[in-house]
N, C-alpha and C. Protein backbone atom coordinates (compact mmCIF):
# COMPACT_ATOMS: atom_id res chain seq x y z
N MET A 1 -20.63 -201.11 -43.27
CA MET A 1 -19.44 -200.42 -42.82
C MET A 1 -18.75 -199.83 -44.05
N LEU A 2 -18.58 -198.51 -44.07
CA LEU A 2 -17.93 -197.82 -45.17
C LEU A 2 -16.42 -197.76 -44.92
N VAL A 3 -15.66 -198.33 -45.85
CA VAL A 3 -14.20 -198.38 -45.74
C VAL A 3 -13.58 -197.64 -46.91
N LYS A 4 -12.69 -196.69 -46.59
CA LYS A 4 -11.98 -195.95 -47.64
C LYS A 4 -10.49 -196.26 -47.54
N GLY A 5 -9.88 -196.48 -48.69
CA GLY A 5 -8.44 -196.65 -48.77
C GLY A 5 -7.81 -195.31 -49.09
N ILE A 6 -6.88 -194.88 -48.28
CA ILE A 6 -6.22 -193.59 -48.45
C ILE A 6 -4.78 -193.83 -48.87
N ILE A 7 -4.41 -193.24 -50.01
CA ILE A 7 -3.05 -193.36 -50.53
C ILE A 7 -2.46 -191.96 -50.59
N CYS A 8 -1.43 -191.71 -49.81
CA CYS A 8 -0.75 -190.42 -49.81
C CYS A 8 0.36 -190.45 -50.85
N THR A 9 0.39 -189.43 -51.72
CA THR A 9 1.32 -189.47 -52.84
C THR A 9 2.06 -188.14 -53.04
N LEU A 10 3.22 -188.27 -53.65
CA LEU A 10 3.97 -187.16 -54.22
C LEU A 10 4.84 -187.76 -55.30
N ASN A 11 4.46 -187.52 -56.54
CA ASN A 11 5.19 -188.04 -57.71
C ASN A 11 5.40 -189.55 -57.62
N GLU A 12 4.28 -190.26 -57.58
CA GLU A 12 4.28 -191.73 -57.47
C GLU A 12 3.75 -192.39 -58.74
N ALA A 13 3.90 -191.74 -59.89
CA ALA A 13 3.34 -192.27 -61.14
C ALA A 13 3.74 -193.71 -61.44
N PRO A 14 4.99 -194.12 -61.21
CA PRO A 14 5.36 -195.49 -61.57
C PRO A 14 4.62 -196.58 -60.78
N SER A 15 4.17 -196.26 -59.57
CA SER A 15 3.60 -197.32 -58.73
C SER A 15 2.15 -197.11 -58.30
N VAL A 16 1.61 -195.91 -58.44
CA VAL A 16 0.29 -195.62 -57.90
C VAL A 16 -0.82 -196.42 -58.59
N GLY A 17 -0.69 -196.70 -59.86
CA GLY A 17 -1.74 -197.44 -60.58
C GLY A 17 -2.03 -198.80 -59.99
N PRO A 18 -1.02 -199.66 -59.89
CA PRO A 18 -1.28 -200.98 -59.31
C PRO A 18 -1.71 -200.93 -57.84
N ILE A 19 -1.19 -199.97 -57.09
CA ILE A 19 -1.58 -199.86 -55.68
C ILE A 19 -3.04 -199.43 -55.58
N ALA A 20 -3.45 -198.45 -56.38
CA ALA A 20 -4.85 -198.00 -56.37
C ALA A 20 -5.78 -199.13 -56.81
N ALA A 21 -5.40 -199.84 -57.86
CA ALA A 21 -6.23 -200.94 -58.35
C ALA A 21 -6.34 -202.05 -57.31
N GLY A 22 -5.23 -202.40 -56.69
CA GLY A 22 -5.24 -203.44 -55.67
C GLY A 22 -6.03 -203.04 -54.45
N THR A 23 -5.92 -201.79 -54.07
CA THR A 23 -6.65 -201.29 -52.90
C THR A 23 -8.15 -201.27 -53.18
N ARG A 24 -8.52 -200.88 -54.38
CA ARG A 24 -9.93 -200.79 -54.78
C ARG A 24 -10.66 -202.13 -54.60
N GLU A 25 -9.95 -203.23 -54.71
CA GLU A 25 -10.56 -204.55 -54.56
C GLU A 25 -11.03 -204.83 -53.14
N HIS A 26 -10.53 -204.06 -52.16
CA HIS A 26 -10.79 -204.38 -50.75
C HIS A 26 -11.50 -203.28 -49.97
N VAL A 27 -11.79 -202.13 -50.62
CA VAL A 27 -12.42 -201.01 -49.93
C VAL A 27 -13.57 -200.47 -50.78
N ASP A 28 -14.37 -199.61 -50.18
CA ASP A 28 -15.49 -199.03 -50.91
C ASP A 28 -15.08 -197.87 -51.81
N GLU A 29 -14.04 -197.15 -51.41
CA GLU A 29 -13.55 -196.03 -52.22
C GLU A 29 -12.06 -195.85 -51.98
N VAL A 30 -11.34 -195.52 -53.04
CA VAL A 30 -9.92 -195.20 -52.93
C VAL A 30 -9.77 -193.70 -53.11
N VAL A 31 -9.07 -193.06 -52.16
CA VAL A 31 -8.84 -191.62 -52.21
C VAL A 31 -7.34 -191.38 -52.16
N VAL A 32 -6.84 -190.67 -53.15
CA VAL A 32 -5.43 -190.29 -53.18
C VAL A 32 -5.31 -188.89 -52.62
N MET A 33 -4.48 -188.73 -51.60
CA MET A 33 -4.16 -187.43 -51.03
C MET A 33 -2.81 -187.04 -51.63
N ASP A 34 -2.83 -186.12 -52.58
CA ASP A 34 -1.64 -185.84 -53.37
C ASP A 34 -1.04 -184.48 -53.03
N GLY A 35 0.27 -184.45 -52.90
CA GLY A 35 1.01 -183.24 -52.58
C GLY A 35 1.41 -182.45 -53.81
N ALA A 36 0.50 -182.30 -54.76
CA ALA A 36 0.74 -181.53 -56.00
C ALA A 36 1.81 -182.18 -56.87
N SER A 37 1.63 -183.45 -57.16
CA SER A 37 2.56 -184.18 -58.03
C SER A 37 2.62 -183.54 -59.41
N THR A 38 3.77 -183.66 -60.04
CA THR A 38 3.97 -183.10 -61.38
C THR A 38 4.19 -184.18 -62.43
N ASP A 39 4.01 -185.45 -62.04
CA ASP A 39 4.33 -186.55 -62.95
C ASP A 39 3.11 -187.34 -63.43
N GLY A 40 1.91 -186.82 -63.22
CA GLY A 40 0.71 -187.52 -63.68
C GLY A 40 0.15 -188.52 -62.67
N THR A 41 0.60 -188.46 -61.43
CA THR A 41 0.13 -189.38 -60.40
C THR A 41 -1.39 -189.40 -60.32
N CYS A 42 -2.03 -188.24 -60.24
CA CYS A 42 -3.48 -188.19 -60.09
C CYS A 42 -4.20 -188.77 -61.31
N GLU A 43 -3.71 -188.48 -62.49
CA GLU A 43 -4.34 -189.00 -63.69
C GLU A 43 -4.29 -190.52 -63.72
N ILE A 44 -3.17 -191.08 -63.33
CA ILE A 44 -3.04 -192.54 -63.29
C ILE A 44 -3.97 -193.12 -62.24
N ALA A 45 -4.00 -192.51 -61.06
CA ALA A 45 -4.87 -193.00 -59.99
C ALA A 45 -6.34 -192.92 -60.40
N ARG A 46 -6.72 -191.82 -61.03
CA ARG A 46 -8.11 -191.68 -61.50
C ARG A 46 -8.44 -192.76 -62.53
N GLY A 47 -7.48 -193.10 -63.34
CA GLY A 47 -7.67 -194.17 -64.33
C GLY A 47 -7.94 -195.52 -63.69
N GLU A 48 -7.57 -195.66 -62.44
CA GLU A 48 -7.83 -196.90 -61.69
C GLU A 48 -9.04 -196.75 -60.76
N GLY A 49 -9.80 -195.66 -60.94
CA GLY A 49 -11.03 -195.48 -60.19
C GLY A 49 -10.88 -194.72 -58.89
N ALA A 50 -9.73 -194.16 -58.61
CA ALA A 50 -9.52 -193.40 -57.38
C ALA A 50 -9.99 -191.97 -57.54
N ARG A 51 -10.34 -191.37 -56.44
CA ARG A 51 -10.61 -189.93 -56.38
C ARG A 51 -9.32 -189.29 -55.89
N CYS A 52 -8.92 -188.18 -56.50
CA CYS A 52 -7.66 -187.54 -56.13
C CYS A 52 -7.94 -186.17 -55.53
N VAL A 53 -7.39 -185.95 -54.34
CA VAL A 53 -7.49 -184.66 -53.65
C VAL A 53 -6.09 -184.05 -53.68
N VAL A 54 -5.95 -182.93 -54.38
CA VAL A 54 -4.65 -182.26 -54.46
C VAL A 54 -4.56 -181.26 -53.31
N LEU A 55 -3.54 -181.43 -52.49
CA LEU A 55 -3.37 -180.61 -51.30
C LEU A 55 -2.45 -179.42 -51.58
N ASP A 56 -2.68 -178.33 -50.89
CA ASP A 56 -1.85 -177.14 -51.05
C ASP A 56 -0.46 -177.32 -50.44
N LEU A 57 -0.39 -178.08 -49.37
CA LEU A 57 0.87 -178.28 -48.67
C LEU A 57 1.34 -179.72 -48.81
N ARG A 58 2.64 -179.90 -48.90
CA ARG A 58 3.20 -181.24 -49.02
C ARG A 58 3.47 -181.83 -47.64
N GLY A 59 3.66 -183.14 -47.65
CA GLY A 59 4.02 -183.85 -46.43
C GLY A 59 3.04 -184.96 -46.15
N LYS A 60 3.58 -186.14 -45.87
CA LYS A 60 2.74 -187.29 -45.60
C LYS A 60 1.88 -187.08 -44.36
N GLY A 61 2.47 -186.48 -43.31
CA GLY A 61 1.70 -186.22 -42.10
C GLY A 61 0.52 -185.31 -42.36
N ARG A 62 0.74 -184.27 -43.15
CA ARG A 62 -0.36 -183.36 -43.50
C ARG A 62 -1.44 -184.09 -44.30
N ALA A 63 -1.01 -184.95 -45.21
CA ALA A 63 -1.97 -185.70 -46.02
C ALA A 63 -2.80 -186.64 -45.15
N ILE A 64 -2.16 -187.31 -44.21
CA ILE A 64 -2.88 -188.20 -43.30
C ILE A 64 -3.87 -187.40 -42.47
N ARG A 65 -3.42 -186.29 -41.91
CA ARG A 65 -4.30 -185.45 -41.09
C ARG A 65 -5.49 -184.95 -41.90
N HIS A 66 -5.24 -184.53 -43.14
CA HIS A 66 -6.32 -184.04 -43.99
C HIS A 66 -7.34 -185.15 -44.24
N ALA A 67 -6.86 -186.36 -44.50
CA ALA A 67 -7.78 -187.48 -44.73
C ALA A 67 -8.62 -187.76 -43.50
N ILE A 68 -8.00 -187.77 -42.34
CA ILE A 68 -8.73 -188.02 -41.09
C ILE A 68 -9.79 -186.94 -40.87
N ASP A 69 -9.43 -185.70 -41.14
CA ASP A 69 -10.35 -184.58 -40.91
C ASP A 69 -11.45 -184.47 -41.95
N SER A 70 -11.21 -184.94 -43.17
CA SER A 70 -12.14 -184.65 -44.25
C SER A 70 -12.92 -185.84 -44.80
N GLU A 71 -12.44 -187.03 -44.62
CA GLU A 71 -13.10 -188.19 -45.22
C GLU A 71 -14.09 -188.82 -44.26
N GLU A 72 -15.33 -188.92 -44.70
CA GLU A 72 -16.39 -189.56 -43.92
C GLU A 72 -16.35 -191.05 -44.22
N ALA A 73 -16.04 -191.85 -43.21
CA ALA A 73 -16.01 -193.30 -43.36
C ALA A 73 -15.99 -193.93 -41.98
N ASP A 74 -16.38 -195.19 -41.92
CA ASP A 74 -16.28 -195.93 -40.66
C ASP A 74 -14.83 -196.34 -40.40
N VAL A 75 -14.11 -196.65 -41.49
CA VAL A 75 -12.72 -197.08 -41.37
C VAL A 75 -11.91 -196.44 -42.49
N LEU A 76 -10.75 -195.92 -42.14
CA LEU A 76 -9.78 -195.43 -43.12
C LEU A 76 -8.60 -196.38 -43.10
N VAL A 77 -8.21 -196.86 -44.27
CA VAL A 77 -7.05 -197.72 -44.42
C VAL A 77 -5.99 -196.92 -45.16
N PHE A 78 -4.84 -196.70 -44.52
CA PHE A 78 -3.75 -195.95 -45.13
C PHE A 78 -2.76 -196.94 -45.72
N ILE A 79 -2.40 -196.70 -46.98
CA ILE A 79 -1.48 -197.60 -47.67
C ILE A 79 -0.48 -196.75 -48.46
N ASP A 80 0.78 -197.14 -48.42
CA ASP A 80 1.80 -196.39 -49.15
C ASP A 80 1.69 -196.63 -50.65
N ALA A 81 1.98 -195.59 -51.41
CA ALA A 81 1.90 -195.66 -52.86
C ALA A 81 3.12 -196.28 -53.51
N ASP A 82 4.20 -196.44 -52.75
CA ASP A 82 5.46 -196.90 -53.35
C ASP A 82 5.58 -198.41 -53.46
N GLY A 83 4.56 -199.14 -53.07
CA GLY A 83 4.60 -200.59 -53.16
C GLY A 83 5.16 -201.27 -51.93
N SER A 84 5.46 -200.50 -50.89
CA SER A 84 6.00 -201.12 -49.68
C SER A 84 4.91 -201.81 -48.86
N HIS A 85 3.65 -201.53 -49.15
CA HIS A 85 2.53 -202.21 -48.52
C HIS A 85 1.79 -202.99 -49.60
N ASP A 86 1.33 -204.17 -49.27
CA ASP A 86 0.61 -205.02 -50.21
C ASP A 86 -0.89 -204.89 -49.97
N PRO A 87 -1.64 -204.40 -50.96
CA PRO A 87 -3.09 -204.25 -50.78
C PRO A 87 -3.81 -205.55 -50.43
N THR A 88 -3.23 -206.69 -50.77
CA THR A 88 -3.90 -207.95 -50.42
C THR A 88 -3.90 -208.20 -48.91
N ASP A 89 -3.13 -207.42 -48.15
CA ASP A 89 -3.15 -207.54 -46.68
C ASP A 89 -4.32 -206.79 -46.05
N ILE A 90 -5.02 -205.98 -46.81
CA ILE A 90 -6.09 -205.16 -46.26
C ILE A 90 -7.16 -205.99 -45.54
N PRO A 91 -7.65 -207.09 -46.11
CA PRO A 91 -8.67 -207.86 -45.38
C PRO A 91 -8.19 -208.35 -44.01
N ARG A 92 -6.94 -208.74 -43.90
CA ARG A 92 -6.42 -209.18 -42.60
C ARG A 92 -6.37 -208.03 -41.60
N LEU A 93 -6.07 -206.84 -42.08
CA LEU A 93 -6.04 -205.67 -41.20
C LEU A 93 -7.44 -205.25 -40.77
N LEU A 94 -8.41 -205.41 -41.66
CA LEU A 94 -9.78 -205.03 -41.36
C LEU A 94 -10.49 -206.02 -40.43
N GLU A 95 -10.07 -207.26 -40.47
CA GLU A 95 -10.76 -208.33 -39.74
C GLU A 95 -11.03 -208.01 -38.27
N PRO A 96 -10.02 -207.60 -37.47
CA PRO A 96 -10.31 -207.33 -36.06
C PRO A 96 -11.19 -206.10 -35.86
N ILE A 97 -11.17 -205.16 -36.78
CA ILE A 97 -12.03 -203.98 -36.67
C ILE A 97 -13.47 -204.38 -36.95
N VAL A 98 -13.69 -205.12 -38.02
CA VAL A 98 -15.03 -205.57 -38.39
C VAL A 98 -15.61 -206.46 -37.29
N ALA A 99 -14.78 -207.28 -36.66
CA ALA A 99 -15.23 -208.18 -35.59
C ALA A 99 -15.50 -207.44 -34.28
N GLY A 100 -15.11 -206.15 -34.21
CA GLY A 100 -15.30 -205.38 -32.99
C GLY A 100 -14.24 -205.64 -31.94
N ASP A 101 -13.13 -206.27 -32.35
CA ASP A 101 -12.05 -206.58 -31.41
C ASP A 101 -10.98 -205.50 -31.34
N ALA A 102 -11.03 -204.51 -32.25
CA ALA A 102 -10.00 -203.47 -32.28
C ALA A 102 -10.58 -202.21 -32.89
N ASP A 103 -10.04 -201.07 -32.45
CA ASP A 103 -10.38 -199.78 -33.04
C ASP A 103 -9.29 -199.32 -34.01
N LEU A 104 -8.09 -199.87 -33.83
CA LEU A 104 -6.94 -199.49 -34.64
C LEU A 104 -6.09 -200.73 -34.88
N VAL A 105 -5.68 -200.92 -36.12
CA VAL A 105 -4.78 -202.01 -36.47
C VAL A 105 -3.65 -201.43 -37.29
N ILE A 106 -2.42 -201.77 -36.92
CA ILE A 106 -1.25 -201.28 -37.63
C ILE A 106 -0.44 -202.48 -38.10
N GLY A 107 -0.18 -202.54 -39.40
CA GLY A 107 0.66 -203.60 -39.93
C GLY A 107 2.12 -203.35 -39.60
N ASP A 108 2.86 -204.42 -39.38
CA ASP A 108 4.28 -204.32 -39.05
C ASP A 108 5.06 -205.19 -40.03
N ARG A 109 5.73 -204.55 -40.96
CA ARG A 109 6.46 -205.31 -41.97
C ARG A 109 7.62 -206.10 -41.38
N ASN A 110 8.02 -205.78 -40.16
CA ASN A 110 9.10 -206.52 -39.52
C ASN A 110 8.61 -207.78 -38.81
N ALA A 111 7.32 -207.94 -38.66
CA ALA A 111 6.76 -209.07 -37.93
C ALA A 111 6.60 -210.32 -38.79
N GLY A 112 6.92 -210.21 -40.07
CA GLY A 112 6.78 -211.36 -40.95
C GLY A 112 5.56 -211.22 -41.83
N GLY A 113 5.51 -212.05 -42.87
CA GLY A 113 4.39 -212.01 -43.79
C GLY A 113 4.61 -211.09 -44.97
N SER A 114 5.69 -210.33 -44.95
CA SER A 114 6.01 -209.43 -46.05
C SER A 114 7.47 -209.63 -46.44
N ASP A 115 7.71 -209.77 -47.72
CA ASP A 115 9.10 -209.93 -48.16
C ASP A 115 9.66 -208.63 -48.72
N GLU A 116 8.90 -207.53 -48.62
CA GLU A 116 9.32 -206.30 -49.25
C GLU A 116 10.59 -205.70 -48.65
N LEU A 117 10.95 -206.08 -47.46
CA LEU A 117 12.17 -205.55 -46.86
C LEU A 117 13.38 -206.43 -47.10
N HIS A 118 13.20 -207.54 -47.78
CA HIS A 118 14.27 -208.52 -47.79
C HIS A 118 14.66 -209.05 -49.17
N ASP A 119 14.14 -208.47 -50.25
CA ASP A 119 14.41 -209.10 -51.53
C ASP A 119 15.28 -208.29 -52.49
N SER A 120 15.83 -207.15 -52.06
CA SER A 120 16.71 -206.39 -52.94
C SER A 120 17.59 -205.46 -52.09
N GLY A 121 18.55 -204.85 -52.74
CA GLY A 121 19.41 -203.90 -52.05
C GLY A 121 18.65 -202.70 -51.53
N ASP A 122 17.71 -202.19 -52.32
CA ASP A 122 16.89 -201.07 -51.86
C ASP A 122 16.10 -201.45 -50.62
N HIS A 123 15.55 -202.63 -50.66
CA HIS A 123 14.75 -203.08 -49.53
C HIS A 123 15.62 -203.34 -48.30
N ALA A 124 16.82 -203.82 -48.52
CA ALA A 124 17.73 -204.04 -47.40
C ALA A 124 18.09 -202.70 -46.74
N ALA A 125 18.30 -201.67 -47.56
CA ALA A 125 18.58 -200.34 -47.01
C ALA A 125 17.39 -199.83 -46.21
N ARG A 126 16.18 -200.07 -46.70
CA ARG A 126 14.98 -199.66 -45.98
C ARG A 126 14.87 -200.41 -44.65
N ALA A 127 15.19 -201.69 -44.66
CA ALA A 127 15.14 -202.49 -43.43
C ALA A 127 16.13 -201.94 -42.40
N LEU A 128 17.33 -201.59 -42.86
CA LEU A 128 18.33 -201.02 -41.95
C LEU A 128 17.84 -199.69 -41.39
N GLY A 129 17.29 -198.86 -42.23
CA GLY A 129 16.75 -197.58 -41.78
C GLY A 129 15.62 -197.75 -40.79
N SER A 130 14.73 -198.71 -41.05
CA SER A 130 13.63 -198.98 -40.13
C SER A 130 14.15 -199.43 -38.78
N TRP A 131 15.16 -200.28 -38.80
CA TRP A 131 15.76 -200.76 -37.55
C TRP A 131 16.41 -199.62 -36.77
N MET A 132 17.07 -198.71 -37.49
CA MET A 132 17.78 -197.62 -36.82
C MET A 132 16.83 -196.63 -36.13
N ILE A 133 15.65 -196.41 -36.67
CA ILE A 133 14.76 -195.42 -36.08
C ILE A 133 13.81 -196.02 -35.05
N ARG A 134 13.90 -197.29 -34.78
CA ARG A 134 13.03 -197.92 -33.77
C ARG A 134 13.33 -197.47 -32.41
């Protein structure tokens, strides 16, 4: 089963390196879908073994759509570059797919198991925003 980790980016130089490295441990290939970053995001990601695809148009939705349309794989794992997703959760997300029990698995940071929404003021603001758009 070929699994690719897809990281959508736009000027994510401070965090893309550790996310790409962590993702690489759990997938066959890491692909960065980049919205023409100007801060060295692709160079940092490449340094961690990722392939970087620079897109003409910006937007996370466009990047996701491009990955779905262009990447040949049995499974695509989408992970945020800003550190809001923990790459060590990837095996748990893949488990039901590999077992044939699911075609799609979506992590829910509000369901527990992640402290990223609860350990700082920035994260508290994100938690409030997530609650408001539900």
